[in-house]
Amino acid sequence: MPSLPDLSHISPDDLSRLDIGVLIVIGLSALWGLTRGFTTELSGLVAWASAVILTYRFHAALVPWISPYLHESWLAESASAAVLFIVILLTLTTIAGRVGAAVRGTLFGGVDRILGAIFGILRGYVMLIALYLLAGSFFGSWTSYLMQGSFTGPYIEAGASRLAGYLPHSLQPHLASPPTSGHDASL
């Protein structure tokens, strides 16, 4: 396991605007996770994934009921998918909120909140990686320029290079590719 870098020599004056933005995003995500708790966060994530999967599988069942009102087939399919997704998502997130509230009311409420904050930190990091990959696809070399002189940039680039390996090969040329030279962070 790699050791953590020594950051004792860094003063607040050394932080770039990117570093401050990264700290704000991760801090807000951790605070959101602390407030909601791990159970609610995980249940919410499962609710979103379930809503996407169930909508994909069953949206065609609503098309016959919507198509008399919408004469274009693509519009009827889109409307049925949107309606089904919203209904499923609202139902499942309501259940997730109730499960989270029940857990917070038990003796494990404090542990649930701390785990929620850790989940929030990880979610913030993944959001920053996704943002880096998307920004690289639109702005190209500007993302490399933005990362220069940043303490947090190498960690985002390292996470992006690891995540890019799991993405389909058809998407990889369109995303930001981290530089191969420079100071790389090991994760």
N, C-alpha and C. Protein backbone atom coordinates (compact mmCIF):
# COMPACT_ATOMS: atom_id res chain seq x y z
N MET A 1 0.85 -1.17 0.00
CA MET A 1 0.00 0.00 0.00
C MET A 1 0.89 1.23 0.00
N PRO A 2 0.68 2.17 -0.93
CA PRO A 2 1.53 3.35 -0.98
C PRO A 2 1.29 4.24 0.22
N SER A 3 2.37 4.90 0.65
CA SER A 3 2.23 5.79 1.79
C SER A 3 1.64 7.12 1.34
N LEU A 4 1.01 7.79 2.27
CA LEU A 4 0.42 9.09 1.97
C LEU A 4 1.52 10.14 1.87
N PRO A 5 1.36 11.11 0.99
CA PRO A 5 2.39 12.14 0.85
C PRO A 5 2.42 13.05 2.07
N ASP A 6 3.59 13.62 2.32
CA ASP A 6 3.75 14.57 3.42
C ASP A 6 3.28 15.94 2.94
N LEU A 7 2.19 16.40 3.49
CA LEU A 7 1.62 17.69 3.09
C LEU A 7 1.84 18.76 4.14
N SER A 8 2.75 18.53 5.09
CA SER A 8 2.94 19.48 6.18
C SER A 8 3.59 20.78 5.70
N HIS A 9 4.26 20.75 4.56
CA HIS A 9 4.93 21.95 4.06
C HIS A 9 4.01 22.86 3.26
N ILE A 10 2.77 22.45 3.03
CA ILE A 10 1.84 23.23 2.20
C ILE A 10 1.13 24.26 3.07
N SER A 11 1.16 25.48 2.62
CA SER A 11 0.41 26.54 3.30
C SER A 11 -0.81 26.89 2.45
N PRO A 12 -1.81 27.53 3.04
CA PRO A 12 -2.99 27.92 2.25
C PRO A 12 -2.66 28.81 1.06
N ASP A 13 -1.54 29.53 1.13
CA ASP A 13 -1.16 30.38 0.01
C ASP A 13 -0.68 29.57 -1.20
N ASP A 14 -0.27 28.32 -0.96
CA ASP A 14 0.21 27.46 -2.05
C ASP A 14 -0.91 26.82 -2.85
N LEU A 15 -2.13 26.87 -2.35
CA LEU A 15 -3.24 26.21 -3.03
C LEU A 15 -3.68 27.01 -4.25
N SER A 16 -3.89 26.31 -5.34
CA SER A 16 -4.38 26.97 -6.55
C SER A 16 -5.90 27.08 -6.48
N ARG A 17 -6.46 27.77 -7.45
CA ARG A 17 -7.93 27.88 -7.49
C ARG A 17 -8.57 26.51 -7.69
N LEU A 18 -7.91 25.67 -8.45
CA LEU A 18 -8.41 24.31 -8.65
C LEU A 18 -8.44 23.56 -7.33
N ASP A 19 -7.37 23.67 -6.54
CA ASP A 19 -7.31 22.99 -5.25
C ASP A 19 -8.44 23.46 -4.33
N ILE A 20 -8.68 24.74 -4.32
CA ILE A 20 -9.76 25.29 -3.49
C ILE A 20 -11.11 24.77 -3.97
N GLY A 21 -11.30 24.74 -5.28
CA GLY A 21 -12.55 24.21 -5.83
C GLY A 21 -12.74 22.74 -5.49
N VAL A 22 -11.66 21.96 -5.58
CA VAL A 22 -11.72 20.54 -5.25
C VAL A 22 -12.09 20.36 -3.78
N LEU A 23 -11.47 21.13 -2.91
CA LEU A 23 -11.77 21.03 -1.49
C LEU A 23 -13.22 21.42 -1.19
N ILE A 24 -13.73 22.42 -1.91
CA ILE A 24 -15.13 22.83 -1.71
C ILE A 24 -16.08 21.72 -2.16
N VAL A 25 -15.83 21.14 -3.34
CA VAL A 25 -16.70 20.08 -3.85
C VAL A 25 -16.69 18.87 -2.91
N ILE A 26 -15.51 18.44 -2.50
CA ILE A 26 -15.43 17.27 -1.62
C ILE A 26 -16.00 17.60 -0.25
N GLY A 27 -15.75 18.80 0.25
CA GLY A 27 -16.29 19.19 1.55
C GLY A 27 -17.81 19.25 1.55
N LEU A 28 -18.40 19.83 0.51
CA LEU A 28 -19.86 19.89 0.43
C LEU A 28 -20.47 18.50 0.28
N SER A 29 -19.83 17.66 -0.51
CA SER A 29 -20.33 16.29 -0.67
C SER A 29 -20.23 15.52 0.64
N ALA A 30 -19.14 15.71 1.39
CA ALA A 30 -19.00 15.05 2.69
C ALA A 30 -20.04 15.57 3.67
N LEU A 31 -20.29 16.87 3.65
CA LEU A 31 -21.30 17.45 4.54
C LEU A 31 -22.69 16.93 4.19
N TRP A 32 -22.98 16.81 2.90
CA TRP A 32 -24.26 16.27 2.46
C TRP A 32 -24.39 14.81 2.91
N GLY A 33 -23.33 14.04 2.78
CA GLY A 33 -23.36 12.65 3.23
C GLY A 33 -23.49 12.53 4.74
N LEU A 34 -22.85 13.44 5.48
CA LEU A 34 -22.95 13.46 6.93
C LEU A 34 -24.38 13.77 7.37
N THR A 35 -25.00 14.69 6.67
CA THR A 35 -26.37 15.09 7.00
C THR A 35 -27.36 13.97 6.72
N ARG A 36 -27.22 13.33 5.59
CA ARG A 36 -28.18 12.30 5.18
C ARG A 36 -27.89 10.94 5.78
N GLY A 37 -26.63 10.61 5.98
CA GLY A 37 -26.27 9.30 6.50
C GLY A 37 -26.02 8.30 5.39
N PHE A 38 -25.25 7.28 5.72
CA PHE A 38 -24.85 6.28 4.73
C PHE A 38 -26.03 5.49 4.19
N THR A 39 -26.93 5.11 5.07
CA THR A 39 -28.07 4.29 4.64
C THR A 39 -28.92 5.04 3.63
N THR A 40 -29.19 6.31 3.89
CA THR A 40 -29.98 7.10 2.96
C THR A 40 -29.23 7.30 1.65
N GLU A 41 -27.93 7.57 1.73
CA GLU A 41 -27.13 7.77 0.52
C GLU A 41 -27.09 6.50 -0.33
N LEU A 42 -26.82 5.38 0.31
CA LEU A 42 -26.74 4.13 -0.44
C LEU A 42 -28.12 3.73 -0.98
N SER A 43 -29.16 3.91 -0.19
CA SER A 43 -30.51 3.61 -0.66
C SER A 43 -30.89 4.52 -1.82
N GLY A 44 -30.48 5.77 -1.75
CA GLY A 44 -30.75 6.70 -2.85
C GLY A 44 -30.03 6.30 -4.13
N LEU A 45 -28.80 5.85 -3.99
CA LEU A 45 -28.04 5.38 -5.15
C LEU A 45 -28.70 4.14 -5.77
N VAL A 46 -29.14 3.24 -4.92
CA VAL A 46 -29.84 2.04 -5.40
C VAL A 46 -31.16 2.45 -6.05
N ALA A 47 -31.84 3.45 -5.50
CA ALA A 47 -33.10 3.92 -6.09
C ALA A 47 -32.89 4.47 -7.49
N TRP A 48 -31.84 5.28 -7.69
CA TRP A 48 -31.56 5.82 -9.02
C TRP A 48 -31.22 4.70 -10.01
N ALA A 49 -30.36 3.78 -9.59
CA ALA A 49 -29.98 2.68 -10.49
C ALA A 49 -31.19 1.81 -10.81
N SER A 50 -32.01 1.54 -9.82
CA SER A 50 -33.21 0.73 -10.05
C SER A 50 -34.19 1.44 -10.96
N ALA A 51 -34.33 2.75 -10.79
CA ALA A 51 -35.24 3.51 -11.66
C ALA A 51 -34.79 3.46 -13.11
N VAL A 52 -33.49 3.57 -13.33
CA VAL A 52 -32.97 3.50 -14.70
C VAL A 52 -33.21 2.11 -15.29
N ILE A 53 -32.90 1.07 -14.53
CA ILE A 53 -33.05 -0.29 -15.04
C ILE A 53 -34.52 -0.63 -15.29
N LEU A 54 -35.38 -0.31 -14.33
CA LEU A 54 -36.81 -0.62 -14.49
C LEU A 54 -37.44 0.18 -15.62
N THR A 55 -37.02 1.42 -15.79
CA THR A 55 -37.55 2.22 -16.89
C THR A 55 -37.13 1.63 -18.22
N TYR A 56 -35.89 1.23 -18.32
CA TYR A 56 -35.40 0.62 -19.56
C TYR A 56 -36.18 -0.65 -19.90
N ARG A 57 -36.46 -1.45 -18.87
CA ARG A 57 -37.14 -2.73 -19.11
C ARG A 57 -38.63 -2.59 -19.40
N PHE A 58 -39.32 -1.62 -18.75
CA PHE A 58 -40.77 -1.61 -18.79
C PHE A 58 -41.40 -0.38 -19.44
N HIS A 59 -40.61 0.53 -20.02
CA HIS A 59 -41.24 1.74 -20.58
C HIS A 59 -42.11 1.42 -21.79
N ALA A 60 -41.83 0.33 -22.48
CA ALA A 60 -42.63 -0.03 -23.66
C ALA A 60 -44.06 -0.40 -23.28
N ALA A 61 -44.28 -0.81 -22.03
CA ALA A 61 -45.63 -1.18 -21.60
C ALA A 61 -46.56 0.03 -21.52
N LEU A 62 -46.01 1.23 -21.34
CA LEU A 62 -46.83 2.44 -21.27
C LEU A 62 -47.12 3.05 -22.63
N VAL A 63 -46.36 2.69 -23.63
CA VAL A 63 -46.51 3.32 -24.95
C VAL A 63 -47.92 3.17 -25.52
N PRO A 64 -48.58 2.01 -25.43
CA PRO A 64 -49.94 1.92 -25.98
C PRO A 64 -50.94 2.87 -25.32
N TRP A 65 -50.72 3.21 -24.05
CA TRP A 65 -51.64 4.13 -23.38
C TRP A 65 -51.33 5.59 -23.70
N ILE A 66 -50.10 5.89 -24.04
CA ILE A 66 -49.71 7.27 -24.32
C ILE A 66 -49.82 7.59 -25.81
N SER A 67 -49.65 6.62 -26.68
CA SER A 67 -49.62 6.88 -28.12
C SER A 67 -50.91 7.48 -28.69
N PRO A 68 -52.12 7.25 -28.14
CA PRO A 68 -53.28 7.96 -28.69
C PRO A 68 -53.21 9.47 -28.51
N TYR A 69 -52.45 9.93 -27.52
CA TYR A 69 -52.35 11.36 -27.26
C TYR A 69 -51.15 11.99 -27.96
N LEU A 70 -50.14 11.20 -28.21
CA LEU A 70 -48.93 11.67 -28.89
C LEU A 70 -48.77 10.84 -30.16
N HIS A 71 -48.90 11.46 -31.31
CA HIS A 71 -48.96 10.71 -32.56
C HIS A 71 -47.59 10.29 -33.10
N GLU A 72 -46.55 10.92 -32.65
CA GLU A 72 -45.20 10.51 -33.05
C GLU A 72 -44.74 9.37 -32.15
N SER A 73 -44.25 8.30 -32.73
CA SER A 73 -43.86 7.13 -31.93
C SER A 73 -42.67 7.43 -31.02
N TRP A 74 -41.70 8.20 -31.52
CA TRP A 74 -40.53 8.52 -30.69
C TRP A 74 -40.94 9.38 -29.51
N LEU A 75 -41.92 10.25 -29.70
CA LEU A 75 -42.39 11.11 -28.62
C LEU A 75 -43.16 10.29 -27.58
N ALA A 76 -43.96 9.34 -28.04
CA ALA A 76 -44.70 8.48 -27.11
C ALA A 76 -43.75 7.62 -26.29
N GLU A 77 -42.70 7.10 -26.92
CA GLU A 77 -41.72 6.29 -26.19
C GLU A 77 -40.95 7.14 -25.19
N SER A 78 -40.58 8.34 -25.59
CA SER A 78 -39.85 9.23 -24.69
C SER A 78 -40.72 9.64 -23.50
N ALA A 79 -41.97 9.97 -23.78
CA ALA A 79 -42.87 10.37 -22.70
C ALA A 79 -43.14 9.22 -21.74
N SER A 80 -43.32 8.02 -22.27
CA SER A 80 -43.56 6.87 -21.39
C SER A 80 -42.33 6.60 -20.52
N ALA A 81 -41.15 6.72 -21.09
CA ALA A 81 -39.93 6.52 -20.31
C ALA A 81 -39.79 7.58 -19.23
N ALA A 82 -40.08 8.84 -19.57
CA ALA A 82 -39.96 9.93 -18.59
C ALA A 82 -40.96 9.76 -17.45
N VAL A 83 -42.20 9.46 -17.79
CA VAL A 83 -43.23 9.30 -16.75
C VAL A 83 -42.89 8.13 -15.84
N LEU A 84 -42.53 7.01 -16.43
CA LEU A 84 -42.21 5.83 -15.64
C LEU A 84 -40.99 6.07 -14.75
N PHE A 85 -39.97 6.72 -15.30
CA PHE A 85 -38.76 7.01 -14.51
C PHE A 85 -39.09 7.89 -13.32
N ILE A 86 -39.87 8.94 -13.52
CA ILE A 86 -40.20 9.85 -12.43
C ILE A 86 -41.02 9.15 -11.36
N VAL A 87 -42.00 8.35 -11.76
CA VAL A 87 -42.83 7.65 -10.78
C VAL A 87 -42.00 6.65 -9.97
N ILE A 88 -41.18 5.88 -10.65
CA ILE A 88 -40.35 4.89 -9.95
C ILE A 88 -39.35 5.58 -9.04
N LEU A 89 -38.71 6.64 -9.54
CA LEU A 89 -37.71 7.34 -8.73
C LEU A 89 -38.34 7.96 -7.49
N LEU A 90 -39.47 8.62 -7.64
CA LEU A 90 -40.14 9.22 -6.47
C LEU A 90 -40.53 8.15 -5.45
N THR A 91 -41.03 7.04 -5.92
CA THR A 91 -41.43 5.96 -5.01
C THR A 91 -40.22 5.40 -4.26
N LEU A 92 -39.17 5.09 -4.99
CA LEU A 92 -38.01 4.47 -4.36
C LEU A 92 -37.23 5.44 -3.47
N THR A 93 -37.14 6.71 -3.85
CA THR A 93 -36.43 7.66 -2.98
C THR A 93 -37.24 7.95 -1.72
N THR A 94 -38.55 7.89 -1.80
CA THR A 94 -39.37 8.03 -0.59
C THR A 94 -39.11 6.87 0.36
N ILE A 95 -39.06 5.67 -0.18
CA ILE A 95 -38.75 4.49 0.65
C ILE A 95 -37.34 4.62 1.22
N ALA A 96 -36.39 5.07 0.41
CA ALA A 96 -35.00 5.22 0.87
C ALA A 96 -34.92 6.23 2.01
N GLY A 97 -35.64 7.33 1.89
CA GLY A 97 -35.64 8.34 2.95
C GLY A 97 -36.20 7.80 4.25
N ARG A 98 -37.24 7.00 4.15
CA ARG A 98 -37.84 6.42 5.36
C ARG A 98 -36.91 5.39 6.00
N VAL A 99 -36.24 4.60 5.19
CA VAL A 99 -35.28 3.63 5.73
C VAL A 99 -34.13 4.37 6.43
N GLY A 100 -33.63 5.43 5.79
CA GLY A 100 -32.55 6.21 6.39
C GLY A 100 -32.97 6.87 7.69
N ALA A 101 -34.19 7.38 7.74
CA ALA A 101 -34.69 8.01 8.97
C ALA A 101 -34.83 6.98 10.08
N ALA A 102 -35.24 5.77 9.72
CA ALA A 102 -35.37 4.72 10.73
C ALA A 102 -34.00 4.34 11.30
N VAL A 103 -32.98 4.29 10.46
CA VAL A 103 -31.64 3.94 10.93
C VAL A 103 -31.07 5.06 11.79
N ARG A 104 -31.30 6.32 11.40
CA ARG A 104 -30.79 7.44 12.19
C ARG A 104 -31.42 7.48 13.58
N GLY A 105 -32.61 6.91 13.73
CA GLY A 105 -33.27 6.90 15.02
C GLY A 105 -32.78 5.81 15.95
N THR A 106 -31.90 4.95 15.48
CA THR A 106 -31.38 3.86 16.32
C THR A 106 -30.06 4.27 16.94
N LEU A 107 -29.46 3.33 17.65
CA LEU A 107 -28.16 3.57 18.26
C LEU A 107 -27.05 3.71 17.23
N PHE A 108 -27.29 3.23 16.01
CA PHE A 108 -26.27 3.28 14.96
C PHE A 108 -26.32 4.58 14.17
N GLY A 109 -27.10 5.54 14.61
CA GLY A 109 -27.26 6.80 13.88
C GLY A 109 -25.95 7.55 13.68
N GLY A 110 -25.10 7.59 14.72
CA GLY A 110 -23.83 8.29 14.61
C GLY A 110 -22.88 7.61 13.64
N VAL A 111 -22.83 6.30 13.70
CA VAL A 111 -21.99 5.54 12.77
C VAL A 111 -22.50 5.72 11.35
N ASP A 112 -23.82 5.73 11.19
CA ASP A 112 -24.42 5.93 9.88
C ASP A 112 -24.03 7.28 9.30
N ARG A 113 -24.00 8.30 10.12
CA ARG A 113 -23.63 9.64 9.63
C ARG A 113 -22.15 9.71 9.27
N ILE A 114 -21.30 9.10 10.08
CA ILE A 114 -19.86 9.11 9.77
C ILE A 114 -19.59 8.35 8.47
N LEU A 115 -20.22 7.19 8.32
CA LEU A 115 -20.07 6.45 7.07
C LEU A 115 -20.66 7.24 5.89
N GLY A 116 -21.71 8.01 6.15
CA GLY A 116 -22.27 8.87 5.12
C GLY A 116 -21.29 9.94 4.68
N ALA A 117 -20.53 10.50 5.63
CA ALA A 117 -19.52 11.50 5.28
C ALA A 117 -18.40 10.87 4.45
N ILE A 118 -17.99 9.66 4.80
CA ILE A 118 -16.96 8.97 4.01
C ILE A 118 -17.48 8.68 2.61
N PHE A 119 -18.73 8.25 2.53
CA PHE A 119 -19.36 8.03 1.23
C PHE A 119 -19.39 9.34 0.44
N GLY A 120 -19.67 10.45 1.11
CA GLY A 120 -19.70 11.75 0.45
C GLY A 120 -18.35 12.15 -0.10
N ILE A 121 -17.29 11.86 0.64
CA ILE A 121 -15.94 12.16 0.15
C ILE A 121 -15.65 11.36 -1.11
N LEU A 122 -15.97 10.08 -1.09
CA LEU A 122 -15.74 9.24 -2.27
C LEU A 122 -16.60 9.70 -3.45
N ARG A 123 -17.85 10.08 -3.18
CA ARG A 123 -18.73 10.56 -4.25
C ARG A 123 -18.17 11.85 -4.84
N GLY A 124 -17.68 12.75 -3.99
CA GLY A 124 -17.09 13.99 -4.49
C GLY A 124 -15.88 13.73 -5.37
N TYR A 125 -15.04 12.78 -4.97
CA TYR A 125 -13.87 12.43 -5.76
C TYR A 125 -14.27 11.86 -7.11
N VAL A 126 -15.26 10.97 -7.13
CA VAL A 126 -15.72 10.38 -8.39
C VAL A 126 -16.36 11.46 -9.27
N MET A 127 -17.09 12.39 -8.67
CA MET A 127 -17.68 13.49 -9.45
C MET A 127 -16.59 14.34 -10.09
N LEU A 128 -15.51 14.60 -9.36
CA LEU A 128 -14.40 15.39 -9.91
C LEU A 128 -13.71 14.65 -11.05
N ILE A 129 -13.56 13.35 -10.92
CA ILE A 129 -12.96 12.56 -11.99
C ILE A 129 -13.84 12.61 -13.23
N ALA A 130 -15.15 12.43 -13.05
CA ALA A 130 -16.08 12.48 -14.19
C ALA A 130 -16.06 13.86 -14.83
N LEU A 131 -16.01 14.89 -14.01
CA LEU A 131 -15.96 16.26 -14.54
C LEU A 131 -14.67 16.49 -15.33
N TYR A 132 -13.56 15.95 -14.84
CA TYR A 132 -12.29 16.07 -15.54
C TYR A 132 -12.34 15.37 -16.90
N LEU A 133 -12.91 14.16 -16.92
CA LEU A 133 -13.00 13.42 -18.17
C LEU A 133 -13.90 14.13 -19.17
N LEU A 134 -15.03 14.65 -18.70
CA LEU A 134 -15.94 15.37 -19.60
C LEU A 134 -15.34 16.69 -20.07
N ALA A 135 -14.69 17.41 -19.16
CA ALA A 135 -14.07 18.68 -19.55
C ALA A 135 -12.97 18.44 -20.58
N GLY A 136 -12.24 17.36 -20.42
CA GLY A 136 -11.19 17.04 -21.38
C GLY A 136 -11.74 16.73 -22.76
N SER A 137 -12.95 16.17 -22.81
CA SER A 137 -13.53 15.87 -24.12
C SER A 137 -14.00 17.14 -24.83
N PHE A 138 -14.33 18.18 -24.07
CA PHE A 138 -14.80 19.42 -24.69
C PHE A 138 -13.69 20.46 -24.84
N PHE A 139 -12.79 20.53 -23.87
CA PHE A 139 -11.80 21.60 -23.86
C PHE A 139 -10.38 21.14 -24.13
N GLY A 140 -10.15 19.84 -24.25
CA GLY A 140 -8.85 19.30 -24.63
C GLY A 140 -7.72 19.65 -23.70
N SER A 141 -6.71 20.32 -24.24
CA SER A 141 -5.49 20.59 -23.49
C SER A 141 -5.69 21.61 -22.38
N TRP A 142 -6.81 22.30 -22.36
CA TRP A 142 -7.06 23.27 -21.31
C TRP A 142 -7.09 22.60 -19.94
N THR A 143 -7.58 21.35 -19.88
CA THR A 143 -7.61 20.65 -18.60
C THR A 143 -6.21 20.37 -18.08
N SER A 144 -5.28 20.06 -18.98
CA SER A 144 -3.89 19.86 -18.55
C SER A 144 -3.30 21.15 -18.02
N TYR A 145 -3.62 22.26 -18.67
CA TYR A 145 -3.15 23.56 -18.20
C TYR A 145 -3.72 23.86 -16.82
N LEU A 146 -4.97 23.54 -16.61
CA LEU A 146 -5.62 23.79 -15.33
C LEU A 146 -5.00 22.98 -14.21
N MET A 147 -4.52 21.79 -14.52
CA MET A 147 -3.95 20.90 -13.51
C MET A 147 -2.53 21.29 -13.10
N GLN A 148 -1.85 22.10 -13.90
CA GLN A 148 -0.46 22.46 -13.61
C GLN A 148 -0.38 23.24 -12.30
N GLY A 149 0.55 22.83 -11.45
CA GLY A 149 0.78 23.51 -10.19
C GLY A 149 -0.25 23.19 -9.11
N SER A 150 -1.12 22.25 -9.38
CA SER A 150 -2.15 21.89 -8.42
C SER A 150 -1.69 20.71 -7.58
N PHE A 151 -2.02 20.73 -6.30
CA PHE A 151 -1.70 19.59 -5.44
C PHE A 151 -2.70 18.45 -5.61
N THR A 152 -3.93 18.79 -5.93
CA THR A 152 -4.97 17.77 -6.07
C THR A 152 -5.09 17.24 -7.50
N GLY A 153 -4.59 17.98 -8.47
CA GLY A 153 -4.69 17.59 -9.87
C GLY A 153 -4.14 16.21 -10.18
N PRO A 154 -2.95 15.85 -9.68
CA PRO A 154 -2.42 14.52 -9.98
C PRO A 154 -3.31 13.38 -9.46
N TYR A 155 -4.00 13.61 -8.36
CA TYR A 155 -4.89 12.57 -7.83
C TYR A 155 -6.13 12.41 -8.72
N ILE A 156 -6.61 13.52 -9.25
CA ILE A 156 -7.75 13.46 -10.17
C ILE A 156 -7.32 12.78 -11.47
N GLU A 157 -6.14 13.13 -11.98
CA GLU A 157 -5.64 12.50 -13.20
C GLU A 157 -5.41 11.00 -13.01
N ALA A 158 -4.88 10.62 -11.85
CA ALA A 158 -4.65 9.19 -11.58
C ALA A 158 -5.97 8.44 -11.51
N GLY A 159 -6.96 9.04 -10.87
CA GLY A 159 -8.28 8.41 -10.81
C GLY A 159 -8.92 8.32 -12.19
N ALA A 160 -8.70 9.35 -13.01
CA ALA A 160 -9.26 9.35 -14.37
C ALA A 160 -8.62 8.26 -15.22
N SER A 161 -7.31 8.07 -15.07
CA SER A 161 -6.66 7.03 -15.86
C SER A 161 -7.12 5.64 -15.43
N ARG A 162 -7.38 5.46 -14.14
CA ARG A 162 -7.90 4.17 -13.68
C ARG A 162 -9.33 3.95 -14.16
N LEU A 163 -10.17 4.98 -14.08
CA LEU A 163 -11.56 4.86 -14.49
C LEU A 163 -11.68 4.66 -16.00
N ALA A 164 -10.82 5.33 -16.76
CA ALA A 164 -10.88 5.23 -18.22
C ALA A 164 -10.64 3.80 -18.69
N GLY A 165 -9.90 3.02 -17.92
CA GLY A 165 -9.66 1.63 -18.28
C GLY A 165 -10.92 0.77 -18.22
N TYR A 166 -11.91 1.20 -17.45
CA TYR A 166 -13.15 0.44 -17.32
C TYR A 166 -14.23 0.90 -18.30
N LEU A 167 -14.01 2.00 -18.98
CA LEU A 167 -15.00 2.52 -19.91
C LEU A 167 -14.92 1.80 -21.24
N PRO A 168 -16.00 1.79 -22.01
CA PRO A 168 -15.96 1.16 -23.33
C PRO A 168 -14.90 1.82 -24.22
N HIS A 169 -14.29 1.02 -25.08
CA HIS A 169 -13.23 1.53 -25.95
C HIS A 169 -13.73 2.61 -26.90
N SER A 170 -15.00 2.59 -27.23
CA SER A 170 -15.54 3.61 -28.14
C SER A 170 -15.59 4.99 -27.49
N LEU A 171 -15.64 5.06 -26.15
CA LEU A 171 -15.68 6.35 -25.46
C LEU A 171 -14.29 6.90 -25.16
N GLN A 172 -13.31 6.05 -25.02
CA GLN A 172 -12.00 6.47 -24.54
C GLN A 172 -11.33 7.55 -25.39
N PRO A 173 -11.40 7.53 -26.72
CA PRO A 173 -10.74 8.60 -27.47
C PRO A 173 -11.37 9.98 -27.26
N HIS A 174 -12.61 10.03 -26.81
CA HIS A 174 -13.31 11.30 -26.66
C HIS A 174 -13.14 11.92 -25.28
N LEU A 175 -12.53 11.21 -24.34
CA LEU A 175 -12.38 11.71 -22.99
C LEU A 175 -10.97 12.25 -22.79
N ALA A 176 -10.81 12.97 -21.68
CA ALA A 176 -9.50 13.52 -21.37
C ALA A 176 -8.54 12.38 -21.11
N SER A 177 -7.36 12.50 -21.67
CA SER A 177 -6.33 11.51 -21.37
C SER A 177 -5.29 12.18 -20.51
N PRO A 178 -5.05 11.66 -19.31
CA PRO A 178 -4.07 12.26 -18.43
C PRO A 178 -2.69 12.23 -19.05
N PRO A 179 -1.88 13.25 -18.77
CA PRO A 179 -0.54 13.28 -19.33
C PRO A 179 0.30 12.12 -18.81
N THR A 180 1.21 11.65 -19.65
CA THR A 180 2.05 10.53 -19.24
C THR A 180 3.33 11.00 -18.57
N SER A 181 3.64 12.27 -18.66
CA SER A 181 4.83 12.78 -17.98
C SER A 181 4.39 13.78 -16.93
N GLY A 182 5.32 14.16 -16.08
CA GLY A 182 4.99 15.09 -15.01
C GLY A 182 4.97 14.36 -13.69
N HIS A 183 4.45 15.02 -12.68
CA HIS A 183 4.40 14.37 -11.38
C HIS A 183 3.04 13.68 -11.25
N ASP A 184 3.11 12.37 -11.17
CA ASP A 184 1.90 11.56 -11.09
C ASP A 184 1.69 11.12 -9.65
N ALA A 185 0.46 11.12 -9.22
CA ALA A 185 0.14 10.65 -7.89
C ALA A 185 -0.16 9.16 -7.97
N SER A 186 0.32 8.44 -7.00
CA SER A 186 -0.01 7.02 -6.95
C SER A 186 -1.16 6.84 -5.98
N LEU A 187 -2.10 6.05 -6.42
CA LEU A 187 -3.26 5.79 -5.56
C LEU A 187 -3.15 4.43 -4.93
